Each structure stands twice: as structure tokens, then as C-alpha cells.
Protein backbone atom coordinates (compact mmCIF):
# COMPACT_ATOMS: atom_id res chain seq x y z
CA MET A 1 15.12 -19.16 11.86
CA ALA A 2 15.34 -17.56 15.30
CA GLN A 3 13.16 -14.92 16.91
CA MET A 4 15.21 -11.75 17.41
CA ASP A 5 14.97 -10.16 20.83
CA LEU A 6 14.32 -6.59 19.69
CA LYS A 7 11.65 -4.53 21.36
CA ILE A 8 8.43 -3.96 19.43
CA LYS A 9 7.23 -0.41 20.11
CA ARG A 10 3.71 0.97 19.67
CA VAL A 11 3.06 4.37 18.15
CA CYS A 12 0.60 5.39 20.87
CA GLU A 13 -1.13 4.35 24.08
CA TYR A 14 -4.75 3.86 23.15
CA GLU A 15 -7.61 1.65 24.38
CA GLY A 16 -8.84 1.00 20.83
CA SER A 17 -6.81 -0.04 17.79
CA SER A 18 -4.16 1.83 15.85
CA LEU A 19 -3.39 1.20 12.17
CA TRP A 20 -0.77 2.00 9.54
CA GLY A 21 -1.70 2.27 5.86
CA MET A 22 -0.59 0.18 2.87
CA ASN A 23 2.69 -1.69 2.64
CA GLY A 24 5.23 0.59 1.00
CA GLY A 25 2.91 3.55 1.54
CA GLN A 26 5.35 5.26 3.93
CA PRO A 27 3.98 6.69 7.22
CA GLU A 28 6.93 9.10 7.63
CA SER A 29 7.13 12.67 6.40
CA PRO A 30 9.95 13.23 3.88
CA ASP A 31 11.98 15.19 6.45
CA GLY A 32 11.63 12.35 8.97
CA LYS A 33 9.89 14.55 11.54
CA TRP A 34 6.35 13.15 11.61
CA LEU A 35 4.40 9.88 11.51
CA VAL A 36 0.82 9.49 10.33
CA TYR A 37 -1.48 6.66 11.43
CA GLY A 38 -5.09 5.89 12.30
CA ARG A 39 -6.94 5.23 15.55
CA LYS A 40 -10.09 3.13 15.45
CA PRO A 41 -12.33 2.70 18.51
CA ASP A 42 -13.80 -0.62 17.35
CA LEU A 43 -12.49 -2.81 14.52
CA ALA A 44 -15.71 -4.84 14.43
CA ASP A 45 -18.05 -1.85 14.05
CA ARG A 46 -18.76 -1.99 10.32
CA GLU A 47 -21.75 0.35 10.60
CA LYS A 48 -20.00 3.39 12.06
CA ALA A 49 -16.49 2.41 10.87
CA GLU A 50 -14.99 5.54 12.42
CA LEU A 51 -11.24 6.10 12.16
CA GLN A 52 -9.29 9.12 13.35
CA ILE A 53 -6.21 10.34 11.47
CA TRP A 54 -3.37 11.22 13.87
CA VAL A 55 0.18 12.51 13.51
CA CYS A 56 3.01 12.45 16.04
CA ASP A 57 6.73 13.11 16.36
CA ARG A 58 8.72 10.29 14.73
CA GLU A 59 11.49 10.16 17.35
CA THR A 60 9.69 10.84 20.63
CA LEU A 61 6.15 9.78 19.67
CA GLY A 62 5.09 13.00 21.39
CA ASN A 63 3.12 15.91 19.93
CA GLN A 64 0.22 13.54 19.25
CA LYS A 65 -2.41 15.42 17.27
CA LYS A 66 -5.72 14.39 15.73
CA ILE A 67 -6.09 15.76 12.19
CA PHE A 68 -9.35 14.37 10.80
CA THR A 69 -12.05 11.74 11.30
CA VAL A 70 -13.11 9.45 8.45
CA ARG A 71 -15.12 6.33 7.76
CA CYS A 72 -13.26 3.33 6.38
CA GLY A 73 -12.68 -0.38 6.76
CA ASN A 74 -9.72 -1.96 8.52
CA HIS A 75 -7.90 -3.19 5.42
CA ASN A 76 -5.05 -0.70 4.85
CA GLY A 77 -6.65 1.65 7.38
CA ALA A 78 -7.17 5.02 5.73
CA SER A 79 -4.15 4.49 3.41
CA ALA A 80 -2.68 7.60 5.04
CA THR A 81 0.71 8.85 3.81
CA PHE A 82 2.62 12.10 3.56
CA VAL A 83 2.73 13.81 0.17
CA ASP A 84 5.22 16.43 1.43
CA ASN A 85 6.42 17.67 4.81
CA GLU A 86 3.19 19.53 5.58
CA HIS A 87 0.43 17.52 3.89
CA ILE A 88 -1.05 14.06 4.20
CA VAL A 89 -3.41 12.16 1.92
CA PHE A 90 -5.99 9.66 3.16
CA ARG A 91 -9.19 7.97 2.08
CA ASP A 92 -12.71 8.35 3.42
CA SER A 93 -16.14 6.94 2.69
CA ILE A 94 -18.79 9.58 2.00
CA ASN A 95 -22.31 8.27 1.45
CA LYS A 96 -20.72 4.87 0.81
CA MET A 97 -18.48 6.30 -1.92
CA SER A 98 -14.69 6.20 -1.65
CA ALA A 99 -12.94 9.57 -1.69
CA PHE A 100 -9.60 11.05 -0.69
CA ARG A 101 -8.43 14.35 0.73
CA ILE A 102 -5.09 16.12 1.05
CA VAL A 103 -4.86 18.00 4.34
CA ASN A 104 -2.34 20.32 6.02
CA ILE A 105 -1.20 18.74 9.31
CA TYR A 106 -0.44 22.11 10.92
CA THR A 107 -3.66 23.95 10.10
CA GLY A 108 -6.10 21.13 9.42
CA GLU A 109 -7.03 22.85 6.16
CA VAL A 110 -8.24 20.63 3.33
CA LYS A 111 -6.03 21.62 0.41
CA TYR A 112 -7.59 19.29 -2.19
CA GLY A 113 -10.73 17.20 -2.06
CA PRO A 114 -12.76 15.39 -1.31
CA ILE A 115 -12.09 13.78 -4.68
CA PHE A 116 -14.26 10.76 -5.31
CA GLY A 117 -12.08 7.98 -6.72
CA LYS A 118 -9.77 5.11 -5.80
CA GLU A 119 -6.74 6.25 -3.83
CA SER A 120 -3.18 5.04 -4.52
CA HIS A 121 -0.19 3.93 -2.46
CA CYS A 122 1.65 7.24 -2.31
CA ALA A 123 2.75 10.38 -4.12
CA GLU A 124 5.84 10.37 -6.33
CA ASN A 125 7.88 13.25 -7.71
CA GLY A 126 5.20 15.84 -6.95
CA TYR A 127 2.20 13.86 -8.25
CA TYR A 128 -0.51 11.78 -6.59
CA PRO A 129 -2.12 9.17 -8.88
CA PHE A 130 -5.68 7.86 -8.58
CA SER A 131 -8.17 5.93 -10.67
CA ILE A 132 -11.76 6.59 -11.71
CA SER A 133 -14.22 3.80 -12.48
CA GLU A 134 -17.85 4.05 -13.65
CA ALA A 135 -19.18 4.52 -10.13
CA PHE A 136 -17.28 7.81 -9.69
CA LEU A 137 -18.37 9.49 -12.92
CA GLY A 138 -20.37 12.65 -12.22
CA LYS A 139 -19.36 12.67 -8.54
CA ASN A 140 -16.69 15.39 -8.85
CA PRO A 141 -18.40 18.60 -10.09
CA SER A 142 -15.60 20.69 -8.54
CA TYR A 143 -13.13 18.84 -10.76
CA PRO A 144 -14.69 18.87 -14.26
CA GLU A 145 -11.48 17.46 -15.76
CA ILE A 146 -12.44 14.11 -14.19
CA ASP A 147 -14.85 13.21 -16.96
CA VAL A 148 -14.16 9.60 -18.03
CA CYS A 149 -12.92 6.35 -16.48
CA GLY A 150 -9.17 6.12 -16.30
CA ILE A 151 -6.01 7.03 -14.41
CA TYR A 152 -5.36 10.60 -13.31
CA LEU A 153 -2.48 12.54 -11.75
CA LEU A 154 -2.98 15.34 -9.24
CA GLU A 155 -0.10 17.83 -9.34
CA LEU A 156 0.44 18.60 -5.67
CA LYS A 157 1.94 22.06 -6.14
CA THR A 158 -0.78 23.49 -8.37
CA GLY A 159 -3.81 21.24 -7.89
CA LYS A 160 -4.01 20.59 -11.62
CA ILE A 161 -5.42 17.21 -12.62
CA ARG A 162 -4.58 15.47 -15.87
CA ARG A 163 -5.66 12.14 -17.27
CA VAL A 164 -2.84 9.80 -18.36
CA ALA A 165 -5.00 6.84 -19.44
CA ASP A 166 -8.68 6.53 -20.32
CA LYS A 167 -11.04 3.56 -20.45
CA GLU A 168 -10.26 2.83 -24.08
CA THR A 169 -6.52 2.80 -23.39
CA VAL A 170 -6.97 0.31 -20.56
CA TYR A 171 -9.24 -2.00 -22.56
CA ASN A 172 -6.94 -1.91 -25.59
CA MET A 173 -3.94 -2.65 -23.39
CA VAL A 174 -5.64 -5.69 -21.89
CA VAL A 175 -6.77 -7.10 -25.24
CA GLU A 176 -3.47 -6.45 -27.04
CA HIS A 177 -1.63 -8.45 -24.40
CA GLY A 178 -3.90 -11.48 -24.58
CA CYS A 179 -6.25 -10.83 -21.67
CA ILE A 180 -10.05 -10.83 -21.64
CA PRO A 181 -11.72 -7.74 -20.10
CA ASN A 182 -14.59 -8.14 -17.66
CA GLU A 183 -16.99 -5.76 -15.94
CA TYR A 184 -14.36 -4.88 -13.31
CA THR A 185 -11.42 -4.19 -15.63
CA THR A 186 -11.72 -0.41 -15.32
CA SER A 187 -12.06 -0.64 -11.53
CA MET A 188 -8.29 -0.45 -11.21
CA SER A 189 -6.51 -0.66 -7.87
CA HIS A 190 -2.97 -0.35 -6.52
CA VAL A 191 -2.22 2.50 -8.93
CA GLN A 192 1.42 3.49 -8.46
CA LEU A 193 3.86 5.85 -10.13
CA ASN A 194 7.50 4.92 -10.53
CA PRO A 195 9.95 7.25 -8.71
CA SER A 196 10.34 9.59 -11.69
CA ALA A 197 6.55 9.64 -12.33
CA THR A 198 7.10 8.56 -15.94
CA ARG A 199 5.32 5.21 -15.69
CA VAL A 200 2.18 4.12 -13.91
CA MET A 201 1.17 0.61 -12.94
CA MET A 202 -2.15 -0.79 -11.81
CA ARG A 203 -3.85 -4.04 -10.84
CA LEU A 204 -6.35 -5.20 -13.45
CA SER A 205 -9.22 -7.63 -13.14
CA VAL A 206 -9.42 -9.84 -16.26
CA GLU A 207 -11.45 -12.93 -17.09
CA ASN A 208 -8.53 -15.26 -17.80
CA CYS A 209 -6.58 -14.48 -14.60
CA PRO A 210 -9.24 -15.15 -11.94
CA ILE A 211 -6.93 -15.75 -8.96
CA PHE A 212 -4.10 -13.22 -9.18
CA GLY A 213 -5.37 -10.80 -11.80
CA ALA A 214 -3.09 -8.95 -14.22
CA LEU A 215 -0.58 -6.16 -13.73
CA GLY A 216 -0.62 -3.31 -16.21
CA CYS A 217 1.99 -0.63 -16.88
CA ILE A 218 1.75 2.46 -19.08
CA ASP A 219 4.67 4.64 -20.11
CA ILE A 220 3.18 8.10 -19.65
CA GLU A 221 5.53 9.77 -22.13
CA THR A 222 5.38 7.23 -25.00
CA GLY A 223 2.07 5.46 -24.39
CA LYS A 224 3.76 2.04 -24.56
CA THR A 225 1.93 -0.59 -22.49
CA HIS A 226 2.91 -3.79 -20.69
CA VAL A 227 0.80 -6.48 -19.02
CA VAL A 228 1.84 -9.32 -16.71
CA LYS A 229 -0.73 -12.13 -16.61
CA ASP A 230 -1.36 -13.95 -13.30
CA LYS A 231 0.76 -11.31 -11.71
CA PRO A 232 2.98 -11.50 -8.63
CA VAL A 233 1.18 -9.91 -5.68
CA HIS A 234 1.51 -6.76 -3.59
CA GLN A 235 3.79 -5.21 -6.17
CA LEU A 236 5.84 -2.08 -5.60
CA TRP A 237 8.29 -0.29 -7.86
CA PHE A 238 11.86 -1.50 -7.33
CA ASP A 239 13.25 1.34 -9.44
CA ASN A 240 12.04 3.28 -12.48
CA ASP A 241 11.95 0.19 -14.68
CA THR A 242 11.29 -2.92 -12.55
CA TYR A 243 8.94 -4.25 -9.86
CA MET A 244 9.38 -6.09 -6.59
CA ALA A 245 6.54 -8.39 -5.60
CA THR A 246 5.70 -11.78 -4.13
CA ARG A 247 5.45 -14.64 -6.59
CA GLN A 248 2.77 -17.02 -5.38
CA TYR A 249 1.49 -20.35 -6.68
CA HIS A 250 -1.99 -21.87 -6.49
CA ASN A 251 -2.07 -25.65 -6.11
CA GLY A 252 -5.67 -26.06 -7.22
CA GLU A 253 -7.08 -25.65 -3.73
CA LYS A 254 -5.23 -22.77 -2.14
CA ILE A 255 -2.33 -20.36 -2.55
CA GLU A 256 0.80 -22.03 -1.22
CA MET A 257 2.69 -20.28 1.55
CA GLU A 258 5.90 -22.35 1.48
CA SER A 259 6.69 -21.71 -2.20
CA SER A 260 6.14 -17.94 -2.12
CA ARG A 261 9.20 -15.79 -2.86
CA ILE A 262 9.92 -12.06 -2.90
CA GLN A 263 11.31 -11.40 -6.38
CA ARG A 264 12.17 -8.66 -8.85
CA PHE A 265 10.45 -8.49 -12.25
CA THR A 266 10.56 -6.56 -15.50
CA VAL A 267 7.42 -4.72 -16.57
CA ASP A 268 6.73 -7.70 -18.87
CA GLY A 269 6.93 -10.22 -16.03
CA GLU A 270 10.41 -11.70 -16.45
CA CYS A 271 11.93 -12.66 -13.09
CA LEU A 272 15.31 -10.95 -12.72
CA GLU A 273 16.28 -12.11 -9.23
CA THR A 274 15.01 -13.56 -5.97
CA LEU A 275 15.17 -10.90 -3.28
CA GLY A 276 13.86 -12.85 -0.27
CA GLY A 277 11.92 -15.88 0.89
CA ILE A 278 8.36 -16.38 2.13
CA GLY A 279 6.21 -13.26 2.01
CA ASN A 280 2.87 -11.79 1.09
CA HIS A 281 2.74 -8.03 1.75
CA ILE A 282 6.29 -6.77 1.19
CA ASP A 283 8.63 -3.81 1.06
CA GLY A 284 12.26 -3.11 0.19
CA SER A 285 14.69 -0.88 2.06
CA PRO A 286 15.60 2.42 0.37
CA ASN A 287 19.02 1.03 -0.63
CA ARG A 288 17.31 -2.16 -1.88
CA GLU A 289 19.64 -4.37 0.18
CA TRP A 290 16.95 -5.54 2.65
CA TYR A 291 13.44 -6.94 2.19
CA VAL A 292 10.53 -7.59 4.50
CA GLY A 293 7.56 -9.86 3.97
CA ASP A 294 4.74 -11.01 6.21
CA ARG A 295 3.43 -14.56 6.56
CA ALA A 296 -0.14 -13.42 6.10
CA TYR A 297 -1.56 -16.75 5.00
CA PRO A 298 -4.70 -18.31 6.54
CA GLY A 299 -3.93 -20.63 9.41
CA TYR A 300 -0.43 -19.32 10.11
CA PRO A 301 0.86 -16.76 12.62
CA ALA A 302 1.31 -13.46 10.81
CA ASP A 303 5.05 -13.26 11.39
CA ILE A 304 7.24 -10.56 9.83
CA PHE A 305 10.39 -11.83 8.07
CA LEU A 306 13.46 -9.65 7.42
CA TYR A 307 15.71 -10.80 4.57
CA LYS A 308 19.11 -9.76 3.29
CA ARG A 309 18.94 -9.35 -0.49
CA GLY A 310 19.10 -12.66 -2.32
CA GLU A 311 18.62 -14.87 0.75
CA ILE A 312 15.48 -16.93 1.34
CA GLU A 313 16.16 -17.56 5.04
CA PRO A 314 15.31 -14.55 7.22
CA VAL A 315 17.92 -12.96 9.44
CA ALA A 316 15.20 -11.88 11.87
CA ILE A 317 11.57 -12.71 12.64
CA PHE A 318 9.14 -10.40 14.40
CA GLY A 319 5.60 -10.95 15.59
CA GLY A 320 4.73 -14.51 16.47
CA GLN A 321 1.14 -13.71 17.44
CA ASN A 322 -1.65 -15.81 15.98
CA PHE A 323 -4.98 -13.98 15.98
CA GLN A 324 -6.73 -15.34 12.89
CA GLU A 325 -10.00 -13.47 13.56
CA CYS A 326 -8.22 -10.12 13.56
CA VAL A 327 -6.06 -10.84 10.51
CA TRP A 328 -8.71 -12.44 8.27
CA ASN A 329 -12.25 -11.62 9.39
CA LEU A 330 -11.39 -8.10 10.51
CA LYS A 331 -8.84 -7.79 7.66
CA VAL A 332 -5.93 -6.34 9.61
CA HIS A 333 -2.91 -7.34 7.51
CA PRO A 334 0.62 -6.66 8.80
CA ASN A 335 1.61 -4.46 5.81
CA PRO A 336 5.32 -4.16 6.77
CA THR A 337 7.07 -1.00 5.56
CA PHE A 338 10.61 0.30 5.89
CA SER A 339 11.38 3.76 7.22
CA ARG A 340 12.94 6.29 4.88
CA ASP A 341 16.40 5.66 6.37
CA GLY A 342 15.98 1.86 6.35
CA ASN A 343 16.64 1.55 10.10
CA ARG A 344 13.03 0.86 11.12
CA MET A 345 10.20 -1.42 10.09
CA TYR A 346 6.58 -0.42 10.62
CA PHE A 347 3.80 -3.03 10.78
CA ASN A 348 0.32 -3.71 12.11
CA TYR A 349 0.55 -5.97 15.16
CA PRO A 350 -2.65 -7.66 16.41
CA ILE A 351 -2.68 -8.10 20.19
CA SER A 352 -6.01 -9.95 20.40
CA ASN A 353 -8.72 -11.15 18.05
CA ASN A 354 -10.37 -7.71 18.14
CA ARG A 355 -7.50 -5.26 18.69
CA THR A 356 -4.37 -4.31 16.80
CA GLU A 357 -1.57 -1.79 17.32
CA ALA A 358 0.51 0.22 14.86
CA CYS A 359 4.01 -0.82 15.85
CA PHE A 360 7.62 -0.56 14.74
CA VAL A 361 11.00 -2.07 15.54
CA GLU A 362 14.45 -0.53 15.23
CA ILE A 363 16.57 -2.72 12.95
CA GLY A 364 19.60 -0.46 12.52
CA GLU A 365 21.86 -2.82 14.47
CA ILE A 366 20.86 -5.76 12.28
CA VAL A 367 21.41 -4.05 8.93
CA ARG A 368 24.75 -2.65 10.09
CA PHE A 369 25.91 -6.02 11.47
CA TYR A 370 25.14 -7.93 8.29
């Protein structure tokens, strides 16, 4: 494995830290004109935890504009993504409660929100999914349709909210597939719609999968459910019917880095193919011929590995920095993500133990060459 000599570019010049959102969350607008990211004055300030939401021109990095200021931790930043060419969604903490807003980048107008709930990776096919656990009940008087724990879809065009799974559905799904619910089972995370918005998946906490948890999937149209026990991690939809994720193994003391593999799975957990080698947070290129994974494992440099589909040796490695304090105590994970055209990779790039930069690298020459 050789380090590729391609220039790592930062999204802005800033004395603090800059942050992208979740892996696979997509910082680009659908038309490829804008980028959205966060600026944080101090990663270690957990009391104020101030982060500013900024947008800029994708090609020139000019037209830098602050849109909003929120409170949030460093992990996944504000989970900011575009829902269409004019609107972004991001999370905030209001009176220590998680909420999200959808805001117009041109006017600064809040179109929807704040909605108190757990945000998701991104919008799909005109809908933004989110989950509601016990803590959020009664916190959304402006949205009376949010009345029980479960998974909801916000229709971006109309603002209508509909529930696609309630607490009973989630508990029944877990039990029917041989898992044991616990007090956190309805506190679902990583809620994601497939590209056609006909299925929704979520990470589930269950008693008999204490390390990796379980992965649930609900067919919105038929109600059919699927559960993967001891799930692969940092899952994303590969297509409408299958997942891509990192399969990890625990050796009794720790999660192994060397044996991790980026793979493709059915909704019932069958491995269909190996897509790449070592990884943790991952993403796949739009044409699904390239995969990226970070070596975000304690004690190792948080390198970024680029793989051609089906190969476990990377064709390129980016990063090489080793700031364990920033990655683990301050929780800045690389979260690599492909651009919409597949010719760029975005990732968080620590430059010291208390600073990180939202960076990207142009990989068009590599993907064309191979």
C-alpha cells in the first residue's frame, strides 16, 4: 500500500475547526453547486458547544456564507446535508434536547422545525426520515401528528409528517426475529430510507447483541420486517434491496481492525460480496465501483483507504496523521464520503490533537486510470 501524492484541500481558511457530517450524508447540493459544513471555534468546549453552519461554492470554495448557529457535539458535526438545491437539514441541541431544522440557504428562513427528535443521514426521494423515542414525546406541540414513539417521514414538499412504524411495531419486530428488547430499543439511530423511500432501516439496541447491536428494516408498503443480529457497522443502502457496511469481529477483548471488511448484505444479513478491505466508517461511489473506508480504530492513524470494488488492498491511502486525542476523546471521526459524481472524497482531517479540518481530495484521475 503506497501513499498517493494527491493534494488534500480544506473547505475554508479558519482558525478553529471545520467539520463535515455523517459518512454517506452528502455535503453537496443535488445540482453540485454548493457545499454545507460546520465551523466550530473550540472542539473541547463541551459547555458552549457552538457550531456554525456554513455553505460555499463547491468548485471555487468562494461565496462562503454563514447560515445558522447551533449547539452540538463533535461526532458527526451537525449532520448537515442538503435535502434539495435550496434547503439544508441539520441538528441542534435546545435545552439539552436534540432537534433538527430545515433551512433555506438563500434566505435563512426556517422552513420546518425545530422538530425535536433524532435526525437521520439524509433525505431520499422527497422525504426526510427521523425517529422519536420516549424523551421527545410531548415536545412537538406544533406537530401534533408526532404522538407516539416510532419512525416518521417528513414530506419535504408539503411539510406533512406521517408515521411509518410505531413502538409496538419495533418491539414486535425485535421479538419475532429472536432479539430481546431493552430500555433503549425504541431510541433508534441511523434511520435511513432506501433510494426509492419504500424501505427504512435503523440501528436497534437489544439485550442479546451488546457490542454491535441489531439492524432493523421495515418495508413501508407491506409492513414486512427484517432484523440482522450483531450487525455490520456504519451501514448504508447499497441499492433499494441491499446494504453496504463494515463487518467487524470482536476477539473477546476488542474489535479487530485487521479482519474488518467492507461488504454487501441482504436485509436478512447474508453476505453477498466483499466490496473492500479494512474500514470502519464507509461509503460507496454513486456507480458502486469504488469504496472508501477509514482506519478509525483506537491506537492507529486514522487513514482513509480507497478500494476498487472487490479488492481488499487499497489503490490509494490518504491521511496518515495520528492524533488520537482528537479522534477518540474529542470524537472527530473521518466519516469519508464520495461526491455525487464520484470524483471527490470528503473527510474530516485532524491537524492536531485539538483541531480538525473539513477536507477533500480529487480522485478523478485514479478512478479513470483503474
